[in-house]
Protein backbone atom coordinates (compact mmCIF):
# COMPACT_ATOMS: atom_id res chain seq x y z
CA MET A 1 114.24 41.05 105.44
CA ARG A 2 111.65 39.49 103.18
CA MET A 3 108.22 41.16 103.52
CA THR A 4 105.15 39.09 104.24
CA THR A 5 101.88 39.50 102.75
CA LYS A 6 100.56 40.55 106.05
CA THR A 7 102.92 43.33 106.23
CA LYS A 8 102.36 44.47 102.84
CA LEU A 9 98.70 44.85 103.75
CA SER A 10 99.37 47.03 106.67
CA ILE A 11 101.08 49.81 104.72
CA LYS A 12 98.28 52.34 104.23
CA PRO A 13 98.15 54.49 101.31
CA ASP A 14 99.21 57.99 101.43
CA PRO A 15 95.90 60.08 101.35
CA VAL A 16 97.73 63.58 100.54
CA PRO A 17 97.85 63.19 96.68
CA ALA A 18 94.06 62.61 96.61
CA LYS A 19 93.28 65.55 98.69
CA LEU A 20 95.71 67.73 96.65
CA ARG A 21 93.79 66.87 93.51
CA GLU A 22 90.70 67.72 95.26
CA ILE A 23 91.65 71.19 96.29
CA GLY A 24 93.06 71.54 92.72
CA SER A 25 89.56 70.71 91.18
CA LEU A 26 87.83 73.13 93.76
CA VAL A 27 90.37 75.83 92.41
CA HIS A 28 89.58 75.04 88.87
CA ARG A 29 85.92 75.22 89.58
CA LYS A 30 86.70 78.54 91.26
CA ASP A 31 85.18 77.52 94.74
CA LEU A 32 88.12 79.17 96.37
CA ALA A 33 86.64 79.49 99.81
CA SER A 34 86.07 75.52 100.03
CA ALA A 35 89.71 75.25 98.50
CA GLU A 36 91.23 77.47 100.98
CA ALA A 37 89.32 75.64 104.13
CA GLU A 38 90.44 72.29 102.78
CA ALA A 39 93.84 73.15 102.20
CA LEU A 40 94.15 74.72 105.78
CA LYS A 41 92.60 71.37 107.24
CA LEU A 42 95.18 69.50 105.17
CA LEU A 43 98.19 71.69 106.55
CA GLN A 44 96.89 71.20 110.18
CA ALA A 45 97.27 67.49 109.77
CA HIS A 46 100.44 67.54 107.67
CA PRO A 47 102.32 70.87 108.73
CA LYS A 48 105.74 69.59 107.46
CA ARG A 49 104.70 68.64 103.91
CA PRO A 50 106.04 70.78 101.04
CA ASP A 51 103.26 69.95 98.70
CA VAL A 52 100.68 70.93 100.95
CA HIS A 53 102.28 74.11 101.73
CA ASN A 54 102.63 74.55 98.05
CA ILE A 55 98.79 73.98 97.39
CA LEU A 56 97.84 76.25 100.15
CA GLY A 57 100.20 79.11 98.55
CA VAL A 58 98.56 78.52 95.31
CA VAL A 59 95.09 78.81 96.85
CA TYR A 60 95.91 81.92 98.39
CA ILE A 61 97.16 83.43 95.26
CA GLN A 62 94.03 82.46 93.46
CA ASN A 63 92.02 84.01 96.32
CA LYS A 64 93.75 87.36 96.14
CA LYS A 65 95.60 86.91 99.30
CA ALA A 66 99.15 86.92 97.72
CA GLY A 67 100.91 88.19 101.02
CA LEU A 68 99.49 85.12 102.78
CA ALA A 69 100.98 82.68 100.20
CA VAL A 70 104.74 84.01 100.62
CA PRO A 71 105.62 81.66 103.93
CA HIS A 72 104.09 78.63 102.43
CA LEU A 73 105.66 78.78 98.88
CA GLU A 74 108.96 79.87 100.69
CA PHE A 75 108.69 76.65 102.83
CA ALA A 76 108.05 74.34 99.78
CA THR A 77 111.04 75.64 97.94
CA LYS A 78 113.47 75.17 100.98
CA ALA A 79 112.04 71.74 101.65
CA GLU A 80 112.51 70.58 97.88
CA PRO A 81 115.04 73.17 96.32
CA GLN A 82 114.99 71.02 93.16
CA ASN A 83 111.19 71.17 92.41
CA SER A 84 110.84 73.26 89.41
CA VAL A 85 107.19 73.68 90.01
CA TYR A 86 107.60 75.09 93.47
CA LEU A 87 110.44 77.26 92.15
CA ASN A 88 108.17 78.59 89.47
CA ASN A 89 105.19 79.28 92.06
CA LEU A 90 107.27 81.25 94.19
CA GLY A 91 109.06 83.17 91.26
CA ARG A 92 105.63 84.16 89.84
CA LEU A 93 104.36 85.06 93.42
CA TYR A 94 107.29 87.52 93.79
CA LEU A 95 106.53 88.92 90.40
CA GLU A 96 102.78 89.45 91.57
CA LEU A 97 103.99 91.18 94.60
CA ARG A 98 106.37 93.34 92.72
CA ALA A 99 109.59 92.02 94.71
CA ILE A 100 111.04 91.61 91.16
CA GLU A 101 114.71 91.52 92.18
CA LEU A 102 113.71 88.36 94.25
CA ALA A 103 111.77 86.98 91.33
CA LEU A 104 114.38 86.11 88.56
CA PRO A 105 116.70 83.83 90.49
CA PHE A 106 113.73 81.43 91.40
CA LEU A 107 112.45 81.53 87.75
CA HIS A 108 115.83 80.87 86.32
CA ASN A 109 116.57 77.85 88.86
CA ALA A 110 113.22 76.36 87.69
CA LEU A 111 114.26 76.55 84.11
CA ALA A 112 117.70 75.07 84.80
CA ILE A 113 115.84 72.10 86.33
CA ASN A 114 113.25 71.85 83.76
CA PRO A 115 114.36 73.46 80.52
CA LYS A 116 110.78 72.91 78.83
CA LEU A 117 108.87 74.43 81.57
CA THR A 118 106.53 76.64 79.48
CA THR A 119 105.02 78.57 82.39
CA THR A 120 108.43 79.42 83.59
CA LEU A 121 109.49 80.83 80.16
CA ILE A 122 106.59 82.70 79.83
CA SER A 123 107.10 84.19 83.32
CA ILE A 124 110.65 85.30 82.49
CA GLY A 125 109.39 87.00 79.53
CA GLU A 126 106.68 88.83 81.40
CA TYR A 127 109.39 89.53 84.05
CA TYR A 128 111.46 91.28 81.60
CA THR A 129 108.60 93.36 80.19
CA SER A 130 107.62 94.49 83.61
CA VAL A 131 111.12 95.76 84.33
CA GLY A 132 111.40 97.63 81.01
CA LYS A 133 113.64 95.15 79.12
CA ALA A 134 111.41 93.37 76.95
CA ALA A 135 113.85 92.77 74.34
CA LEU A 136 115.71 90.34 76.80
CA GLY A 137 112.71 88.44 77.43
CA LEU A 138 111.66 87.74 73.71
CA PRO A 139 113.96 84.76 73.37
CA TYR A 140 112.20 82.98 76.49
CA ILE A 141 108.61 83.50 75.04
CA GLU A 142 109.89 82.22 71.68
CA ARG A 143 111.31 79.06 73.49
CA ALA A 144 107.89 78.60 75.12
CA LEU A 145 106.42 78.74 71.67
CA ARG A 146 108.86 76.33 70.22
CA ASN A 147 107.79 74.07 73.18
CA GLU A 148 104.20 74.61 72.61
CA PRO A 149 103.41 76.26 69.24
CA ASN A 150 99.73 76.59 70.15
CA ASN A 151 100.02 77.99 73.85
CA LYS A 152 97.64 81.06 73.65
CA LYS A 153 99.31 82.72 76.85
CA ALA A 154 102.71 82.50 75.22
CA LYS A 155 101.46 84.38 72.06
CA TRP A 156 99.60 86.82 74.14
CA GLN A 157 102.83 87.68 76.06
CA LEU A 158 104.65 87.68 72.87
CA ALA A 159 102.06 90.34 71.60
CA GLU A 160 102.41 92.42 74.81
CA SER A 161 106.23 92.44 74.57
CA LEU A 162 106.27 93.43 71.04
CA ASN A 163 103.74 96.26 71.61
CA ALA A 164 105.94 97.46 74.46
CA LEU A 165 108.87 97.47 72.29
CA GLY A 166 106.76 99.50 69.84
CA ARG A 167 106.54 96.90 67.22
CA THR A 168 102.98 97.18 66.89
CA ASP A 169 102.32 95.66 63.29
CA GLU A 170 103.70 92.30 64.63
CA ALA A 171 101.76 92.56 67.89
CA ASN A 172 98.61 93.36 65.83
CA ARG A 173 99.25 90.27 63.61
CA LEU A 174 99.26 88.02 66.81
CA CYS A 175 96.33 89.66 68.43
CA GLN A 176 94.45 89.15 65.07
CA GLU A 177 95.36 85.51 65.34
CA LEU A 178 94.51 85.25 68.92
CA ARG A 179 91.25 86.78 68.75
CA LEU A 180 89.87 84.26 66.21
CA GLU A 181 90.60 81.44 69.05
CA GLY A 182 87.96 82.67 71.36
CA ALA A 183 89.73 83.50 74.78
CA PHE A 184 91.50 86.75 73.56
CA VAL A 185 88.71 88.08 71.22
CA VAL A 186 87.91 90.89 73.22
CA ASP A 187 91.50 91.92 74.55
CA GLY A 188 92.67 91.18 71.08
CA LEU A 189 90.30 93.65 69.45
CA TYR A 190 91.20 96.18 72.37
CA ARG A 191 94.53 96.22 71.48
CA ILE A 192 94.19 96.46 67.70
CA SER A 193 92.03 99.39 68.21
CA ARG A 194 94.92 101.31 70.01
CA ASN A 195 97.15 100.58 67.19
CA ASN A 196 95.17 100.59 64.08
CA LYS A 197 94.82 103.28 61.54
CA ARG A 198 91.68 105.36 60.81
CA GLU A 199 90.93 103.52 57.61
CA GLN A 200 90.99 100.02 59.23
CA ASN A 201 88.27 100.81 61.73
CA VAL A 202 85.16 100.05 59.94
CA PRO A 203 85.20 96.11 60.21
CA LEU A 204 86.43 96.44 63.62
CA LEU A 205 83.49 98.80 64.84
CA ALA A 206 81.23 96.50 63.09
CA GLU A 207 82.55 93.53 64.92
CA ALA A 208 82.55 95.25 68.36
CA GLU A 209 78.89 96.39 67.84
CA GLU A 210 78.11 92.60 67.24
CA LEU A 211 80.01 91.32 70.19
CA LEU A 212 78.37 93.85 72.53
CA LYS A 213 75.01 91.79 71.83
CA SER A 214 76.47 88.84 73.24
CA ASP A 215 74.87 88.01 76.61
CA ALA A 216 78.02 85.91 77.57
CA LEU A 217 80.12 88.93 78.00
CA THR A 218 81.58 89.88 81.34
CA ASP A 219 81.11 93.42 82.64
CA VAL A 220 85.02 93.83 82.28
CA GLY A 221 84.69 92.61 78.68
CA ARG A 222 82.04 94.83 77.83
CA SER A 223 83.66 97.92 79.43
CA ARG A 224 86.80 96.96 77.20
CA LEU A 225 84.92 96.69 74.00
CA HIS A 226 83.26 100.19 74.71
CA SER A 227 86.76 101.55 75.31
CA ALA A 228 87.90 100.22 72.05
CA MET A 229 84.92 101.60 70.11
CA GLY A 230 85.42 105.05 71.90
CA PHE A 231 88.86 105.23 70.58
CA MET A 232 88.02 104.04 67.00
CA LEU A 233 85.17 106.68 66.84
CA GLU A 234 87.50 109.48 68.13
CA LYS A 235 90.12 108.75 65.30
CA GLU A 236 87.06 109.44 62.96
CA ASP A 237 86.28 112.63 64.64
CA ARG A 238 82.99 111.40 65.84
CA TYR A 239 83.40 112.69 69.47
CA GLU A 240 79.74 112.61 70.54
CA ALA A 241 79.45 108.89 69.73
CA ALA A 242 82.96 108.33 71.26
CA PHE A 243 82.27 109.88 74.46
CA GLY A 244 79.05 107.81 74.87
CA HIS A 245 81.27 104.62 74.79
CA PHE A 246 83.95 106.08 77.22
CA ASP A 247 80.99 106.58 79.58
CA SER A 248 79.49 103.36 79.26
CA ALA A 249 82.99 101.64 79.85
CA ASN A 250 83.12 103.63 83.07
CA ARG A 251 79.87 102.92 84.12
CA LEU A 252 80.38 99.24 83.87
CA SER A 253 83.04 99.29 86.49
CA SER A 254 82.08 98.26 90.02
CA ALA A 255 84.81 99.52 91.93
CA PRO A 256 83.57 102.33 94.54
CA PHE A 257 85.08 105.35 95.31
CA ASN A 258 84.14 107.86 98.28
CA ILE A 259 85.48 111.29 97.56
CA GLU A 260 84.70 112.36 101.25
CA VAL A 261 87.09 109.66 102.43
CA PHE A 262 89.86 110.69 100.49
CA ARG A 263 89.26 114.32 101.32
CA THR A 264 89.37 113.65 105.09
CA TRP A 265 92.68 111.49 104.40
CA VAL A 266 94.25 114.49 102.57
CA ASP A 267 93.31 116.63 105.70
CA ARG A 268 95.15 114.37 108.03
CA VAL A 269 98.28 114.15 105.82
CA ILE A 270 98.43 118.01 105.89
CA GLU A 271 97.85 118.01 109.63
CA VAL A 272 100.51 115.39 110.27
CA PHE A 273 103.35 116.44 108.01
CA THR A 274 104.65 119.46 109.27
CA VAL A 275 108.11 121.27 108.75
CA GLU A 276 109.04 120.26 112.03
CA VAL A 277 108.29 116.41 111.31
CA PHE A 278 110.94 116.63 108.75
CA ARG A 279 113.42 118.71 110.65
CA GLU A 280 113.32 116.45 113.55
CA ARG A 281 113.98 113.25 111.47
CA ALA A 282 116.46 114.77 109.17
CA SER A 283 119.27 112.11 109.59
CA VAL A 284 117.07 108.88 109.66
CA GLY A 285 117.12 108.05 105.98
CA SER A 286 119.68 107.24 103.00
CA GLU A 287 121.96 109.91 101.70
CA SER A 288 121.74 108.42 98.19
CA ARG A 289 121.14 110.75 95.41
CA LEU A 290 120.32 107.85 93.02
CA PRO A 291 116.33 108.32 93.03
CA VAL A 292 114.62 110.67 90.79
CA LEU A 293 110.69 110.44 91.29
CA VAL A 294 108.36 111.64 88.71
CA ILE A 295 104.98 112.31 90.20
CA GLY A 296 101.77 113.85 88.99
CA MET A 297 98.19 112.74 87.91
CA PRO A 298 98.24 109.84 85.61
CA ARG A 299 98.19 111.18 81.82
CA SER A 300 100.23 114.36 82.80
CA GLY A 301 103.45 113.42 80.85
CA THR A 302 105.09 111.24 83.37
CA THR A 303 106.13 108.76 80.69
CA LEU A 304 107.59 111.25 78.43
CA THR A 305 109.46 112.63 81.24
CA GLU A 306 110.93 109.44 82.34
CA GLN A 307 111.93 108.51 78.69
CA MET A 308 113.81 111.79 78.25
CA ILE A 309 115.98 111.27 81.32
CA ALA A 310 116.43 107.62 80.83
CA SER A 311 118.04 108.34 77.36
CA HIS A 312 120.96 110.17 79.37
CA GLY A 313 123.99 108.15 79.34
CA LYS A 314 124.26 108.31 83.25
CA ALA A 315 120.51 107.94 83.79
CA GLY A 316 118.05 104.89 83.77
CA GLY A 317 114.40 104.36 84.09
CA ALA A 318 112.70 101.91 86.44
CA GLY A 319 109.09 102.38 85.29
CA GLU A 320 106.36 102.41 88.01
CA LEU A 321 107.68 100.71 91.03
CA LEU A 322 105.15 99.85 93.69
CA ARG A 323 108.02 99.63 96.52
CA VAL A 324 106.98 102.97 98.15
CA PRO A 325 103.19 102.24 98.27
CA LEU A 326 104.08 98.86 99.94
CA PHE A 327 106.28 100.64 102.51
CA ALA A 328 103.53 103.22 103.20
CA LYS A 329 100.90 100.41 103.67
CA SER A 330 103.22 98.54 106.33
CA LEU A 331 103.52 101.75 108.09
CA ASN A 332 99.91 102.88 108.28
CA TYR A 333 100.36 105.58 105.91
CA SER A 334 97.73 104.58 103.31
CA GLY A 335 95.18 103.95 106.22
CA ASP A 336 95.22 105.58 109.75
CA MET A 337 97.28 108.54 109.12
CA GLY A 338 97.30 109.39 112.80
CA LYS A 339 99.53 106.10 113.48
CA PHE A 340 101.94 106.73 110.74
CA ILE A 341 104.59 108.84 112.80
CA ASP A 342 104.54 106.41 115.76
CA SER A 343 105.08 103.54 113.08
CA PHE A 344 107.99 105.12 111.37
CA ASP A 345 109.65 106.09 114.48
CA ALA A 346 109.29 102.49 115.93
CA LEU A 347 111.59 101.41 113.05
CA GLY A 348 114.50 103.42 114.83
CA PRO A 349 117.12 105.02 112.73
CA LYS A 350 118.62 101.55 111.68
CA GLY A 351 115.17 100.29 110.51
CA SER A 352 114.28 103.48 108.61
CA ARG A 353 117.52 103.44 106.87
CA GLU A 354 117.42 99.81 105.81
CA MET A 355 113.94 100.45 104.41
CA ALA A 356 115.64 103.31 102.39
CA GLU A 357 118.55 101.37 101.18
CA ASN A 358 116.08 98.63 100.08
CA TYR A 359 114.33 101.06 97.78
CA VAL A 360 117.51 102.43 96.66
CA SER A 361 118.78 98.94 95.91
CA LEU A 362 115.75 98.21 93.76
CA LEU A 363 116.46 101.32 91.72
CA ARG A 364 120.16 100.04 91.23
CA PHE A 365 118.79 96.74 90.32
CA HIS A 366 117.08 98.11 87.53
CA THR A 367 119.79 100.05 86.08
CA PRO A 368 123.29 99.13 87.48
CA GLY A 369 125.84 101.80 87.17
CA ALA A 370 123.59 104.71 86.63
CA GLU A 371 123.91 107.76 88.78
CA ARG A 372 120.18 108.83 88.70
CA VAL A 373 117.23 106.25 88.14
CA VAL A 374 113.76 107.41 87.75
CA ASP A 375 110.58 105.89 89.40
CA LYS A 376 107.61 107.29 87.36
CA LEU A 377 104.61 105.98 89.53
CA PRO A 378 102.53 109.10 89.26
CA HIS A 379 100.74 108.53 92.30
CA ASN A 380 103.81 108.55 94.58
CA PHE A 381 102.51 112.15 95.05
CA LEU A 382 100.58 110.69 97.84
CA TYR A 383 103.48 109.41 99.49
CA LEU A 384 106.09 112.28 99.27
CA GLY A 385 106.13 112.52 103.16
CA LEU A 386 107.35 109.23 103.43
CA ILE A 387 109.73 109.43 100.64
CA ALA A 388 110.94 112.74 102.12
CA LEU A 389 111.80 110.88 105.29
CA LEU A 390 113.79 108.11 103.54
CA CYS A 391 115.49 109.56 100.79
CA PRO A 392 115.90 113.44 101.45
CA ASN A 393 118.33 113.91 98.75
CA ALA A 394 115.86 112.37 95.99
CA ARG A 395 114.88 114.89 93.27
CA ILE A 396 111.09 115.31 92.68
CA ILE A 397 109.72 116.27 89.31
CA HIS A 398 105.89 117.18 89.20
CA CYS A 399 104.52 116.85 86.02
CA SER A 400 101.21 118.69 85.74
CA ARG A 401 98.90 119.40 82.44
CA ASN A 402 95.85 121.36 81.78
CA PRO A 403 93.53 119.77 84.36
CA VAL A 404 90.53 119.05 82.00
CA ASP A 405 92.94 117.37 79.40
CA THR A 406 94.38 115.32 82.17
CA CYS A 407 91.12 114.23 83.53
CA LEU A 408 89.47 113.65 80.30
CA SER A 409 92.60 111.38 79.37
CA CYS A 410 91.99 109.45 82.75
CA PHE A 411 88.27 109.04 81.95
CA GLN A 412 89.16 107.62 78.59
CA ASN A 413 91.60 105.19 79.30
CA PRO A 414 90.99 102.10 81.13
CA LEU A 415 92.91 102.50 84.49
CA ASP A 416 92.75 99.86 87.03
CA ASP A 417 90.68 99.95 90.08
CA GLY A 418 93.20 101.77 92.20
CA HIS A 419 91.93 104.52 90.08
CA ALA A 420 87.96 104.08 90.70
CA TYR A 421 87.87 108.14 91.16
CA SER A 422 88.16 108.27 87.32
CA ARG A 423 85.21 106.40 86.42
CA ASP A 424 82.88 109.41 87.26
CA LEU A 425 83.41 112.98 85.86
CA THR A 426 82.35 114.75 89.01
CA ASN A 427 84.59 112.51 91.35
CA LEU A 428 87.36 112.84 88.74
CA GLY A 429 87.26 116.71 89.11
CA LEU A 430 87.12 116.67 92.85
CA TYR A 431 89.80 114.25 93.19
CA TYR A 432 91.93 116.60 91.08
CA ARG A 433 91.13 119.39 93.32
CA GLU A 434 92.39 117.28 96.43
CA TYR A 435 95.50 116.23 94.66
CA SER A 436 96.20 119.97 93.81
CA ARG A 437 95.55 121.04 97.53
CA LEU A 438 98.15 118.21 98.60
CA MET A 439 100.79 119.33 96.03
CA ARG A 440 100.60 122.80 97.40
CA HIS A 441 101.17 121.43 100.88
CA TRP A 442 104.16 119.16 99.75
CA LYS A 443 105.78 122.39 98.23
CA ALA A 444 105.47 124.45 101.35
CA VAL A 445 106.95 121.69 103.79
CA LEU A 446 109.16 119.30 102.07
CA PRO A 447 112.90 119.61 102.84
CA MET A 448 113.80 118.93 99.20
CA PRO A 449 113.06 121.01 96.10
CA ILE A 450 110.16 120.06 93.60
CA TYR A 451 110.72 120.88 90.00
CA GLU A 452 107.48 122.11 88.37
CA LEU A 453 107.07 120.81 84.77
CA SER A 454 104.32 121.94 82.64
CA TYR A 455 103.28 119.50 79.85
CA GLU A 456 102.44 122.41 77.53
CA LYS A 457 105.71 124.18 78.20
CA PHE A 458 107.36 120.71 77.88
CA THR A 459 106.03 119.99 74.50
CA ALA A 460 106.46 123.62 73.22
CA ASP A 461 110.05 124.06 74.43
CA PHE A 462 111.43 120.41 74.49
CA GLU A 463 114.89 121.24 74.44
CA GLY A 464 114.84 124.03 76.91
CA GLU A 465 112.90 122.17 79.42
CA SER A 466 115.01 119.05 79.05
CA ARG A 467 118.21 120.95 79.68
CA ARG A 468 116.74 122.59 82.84
CA LEU A 469 115.46 119.11 84.02
CA ILE A 470 118.83 117.53 83.52
CA ASP A 471 120.58 120.30 85.36
CA PHE A 472 118.08 119.87 88.47
CA ILE A 473 118.85 116.34 88.73
CA GLY A 474 122.40 117.32 88.93
CA LEU A 475 123.82 115.48 85.60
CA PRO A 476 125.62 117.12 82.62
CA TRP A 477 123.64 117.74 79.39
CA ASP A 478 123.58 114.83 76.98
CA GLU A 479 122.24 115.33 73.34
CA ALA A 480 120.89 111.69 73.56
CA CYS A 481 117.96 113.16 75.70
CA LEU A 482 116.57 114.92 72.40
CA LYS A 483 116.31 111.63 70.79
CA PHE A 484 114.60 109.52 73.34
CA TYR A 485 112.15 108.12 70.88
CA GLU A 486 115.03 106.11 69.05
CA ALA A 487 115.97 104.22 72.29
CA GLU A 488 114.71 100.43 72.47
CA THR A 489 113.18 100.91 75.72
CA THR A 490 109.93 99.04 77.00
CA VAL A 491 106.71 101.33 77.52
CA ARG A 492 103.64 99.66 79.25
CA THR A 493 101.63 102.81 79.70
CA PHE A 494 99.09 104.29 77.50
CA SER A 495 101.62 106.83 76.31
CA GLN A 496 103.26 104.37 73.87
CA ARG A 497 102.56 106.12 70.71
CA GLN A 498 104.00 109.68 72.04
CA VAL A 499 107.14 108.30 73.18
CA ARG A 500 107.95 106.36 70.12
CA ASN A 501 107.86 109.64 67.95
CA PRO A 502 109.38 113.20 68.39
CA VAL A 503 107.52 115.23 70.81
CA TYR A 504 104.15 116.78 69.22
CA GLN A 505 101.60 118.91 70.64
CA THR A 506 98.25 117.52 69.46
CA SER A 507 97.18 116.28 72.80
CA VAL A 508 97.24 119.91 74.18
CA GLU A 509 93.41 121.29 74.44
CA ARG A 510 92.06 117.96 73.49
CA TRP A 511 89.14 118.47 75.77
CA ARG A 512 87.74 121.31 73.42
CA ARG A 513 86.39 118.22 71.34
CA TYR A 514 84.34 117.27 74.06
CA GLU A 515 83.39 120.30 75.80
CA ALA A 516 79.61 119.71 75.64
CA ASN A 517 80.13 116.61 77.51
CA LEU A 518 82.55 117.66 80.15
CA GLN A 519 80.25 120.08 82.19
CA PRO A 520 80.27 117.87 85.35
CA LEU A 521 84.00 117.77 85.35
CA ILE A 522 84.36 121.42 84.67
CA SER A 523 82.04 122.42 87.57
CA ALA A 524 83.82 119.98 89.98
CA LEU A 525 87.11 121.38 88.94
CA GLY A 526 85.96 124.90 89.63
CA ASP A 527 88.53 127.66 89.65
CA LEU A 528 91.34 125.40 88.62
CA VAL A 529 89.96 125.43 85.16
C-alpha cells in the first residue's frame, strides 16, 4: 500500500534516543542523582526497552549501586543477545561484583560480535590479571593497542599486567610514558616509586614535591604522592622524613572508622558462635577438601604462603576472593550478628549446601584439576564461623607476624577504604587487639584445626615450615614449593617483590627504624608487643 503524505506526517519520532543522550550527558557531568532519576522515569514510561534498561544499569554502576544494575543489564542482554555493548557492560559488571566465573562468557561473546571493541579487549585483560593469569590477558591488551595505539586505559592495563607478572622494567617504561600525558601522572609516579632503585630517586622526589604544590590535586592524588615519597625516602634511610609522608598520606583519607563499633561486633561474634552452634549444624555444608584459606592481618605473609602452596603440582592459588564476604553480607553476618543464625538456618540444608558448593566451584574454576586451592583473602578471619559451617573440611592457615611490623606495614601501604582502621596508629593497634581476641576464640570453638604460621619462623626455616604446611593440607611433598619465585604467577598485592625472589628476612623487625614515631601504636597494642 502506498503511504500518503498525511500518513507520513502522523508517524511520531522516537523520543527515547534523545532522552538516552541526555542521561548520558548527565553521567558525563557527574550529576548522577539527576541521571538516576531521569533513567527511572524513562523506564517507567518504557519498561520493555533494552536500551533503557541498559542506561539505567550504567547509571547504577556509576552511582556505586552495582547490585541494582544486575537485573537491568541482564534484561538488556536477554532482549538483544547480539548487542556487543550490552554484553560488554554486563561482563564488566560481573567483574566489578567479583562474579568472575560469569564475566568471561559475556566478554568473549561481545568480542565475537565486534572484534574491535577495545573496551572489551581491555576488560578481558583486566579479568585475567584479576584471577591470577595475567599472561593470558596480554594478547587481548596488545590487540586493544593495535586497534587504538594511543588508548591510555589500554596502556595502563598493560603496565598493571606486566607489573603483576614481575616485568617491572617494562611496566615502568609504560608508566613513564603515561605520566607525561597528564591523566596518569600521579599513579605513574607512584608505580615507578615502588619499583625503582635508590639511585633513581632524586628526580622523582623533586617531581613529587613540585606536584604536591598544585591546587588541582585531589586528596586521593595527594595521598598517593605522599605514599610514593615515603617509600622513596625509606630507600634512602631517611626514616623520619619518610614517616612524615606516610602519616600525611593517611590523614588525607576521609574513610571513617569506629573502633567501638568493631569491638561490639567482635563481642557478639564470640557470644553467637559456640561449640554447640557448629555441633548442631555439622552436616549442612560441603564435604569438599578443596578449600585452603590463608588468613590473618594484611602484610603478615599471606601472599608468600599462597605462592608456596600454589607452586605444588597438585595445588593452586585463587588470590583474594570476595565470595565469602558476599555470602556473609547476604546473611546479616557483617551487620546484625544476632540475626545471622536465623538467616543461615532459613537456607535449610539444601540452601546452605548450594552456597558451599558455589564457593567450591569458584575455587575449582580458578585451578581446574587441583586437589587444594588457596583463597588468601586475609580478612576471612572475620568470617571463619560461616566458613566452618559451609566447608567444615577446609584447611585454615593463620599467618601472624610481629604485631608492630604488621601494623607499620599496614600504615605505610595504601590499603583501600575497607581497611580504614589502618589510617590512624591508635586505631590500628586497637584493631589488632580485637583481631587477636577473635582468633583466640576461633581456635577454641571451630570444628577444624588452624595451622599457626609465624612469618618470622617461616622465613628463618622456610623448607621446614613449608613441609609441615603441605602435610597439614594433606598433600605429598613437592620440591617445586621451594622455588615458588620461579613460577610465572600473577601477584597483585604489595608483596610482589618478596614473592619474585628467594625468601629473605630483611622485613623482620623493620619497625625499629620508626620506633620513635610509633609510640601511639605501641601503647595501643599493649601487652601484645
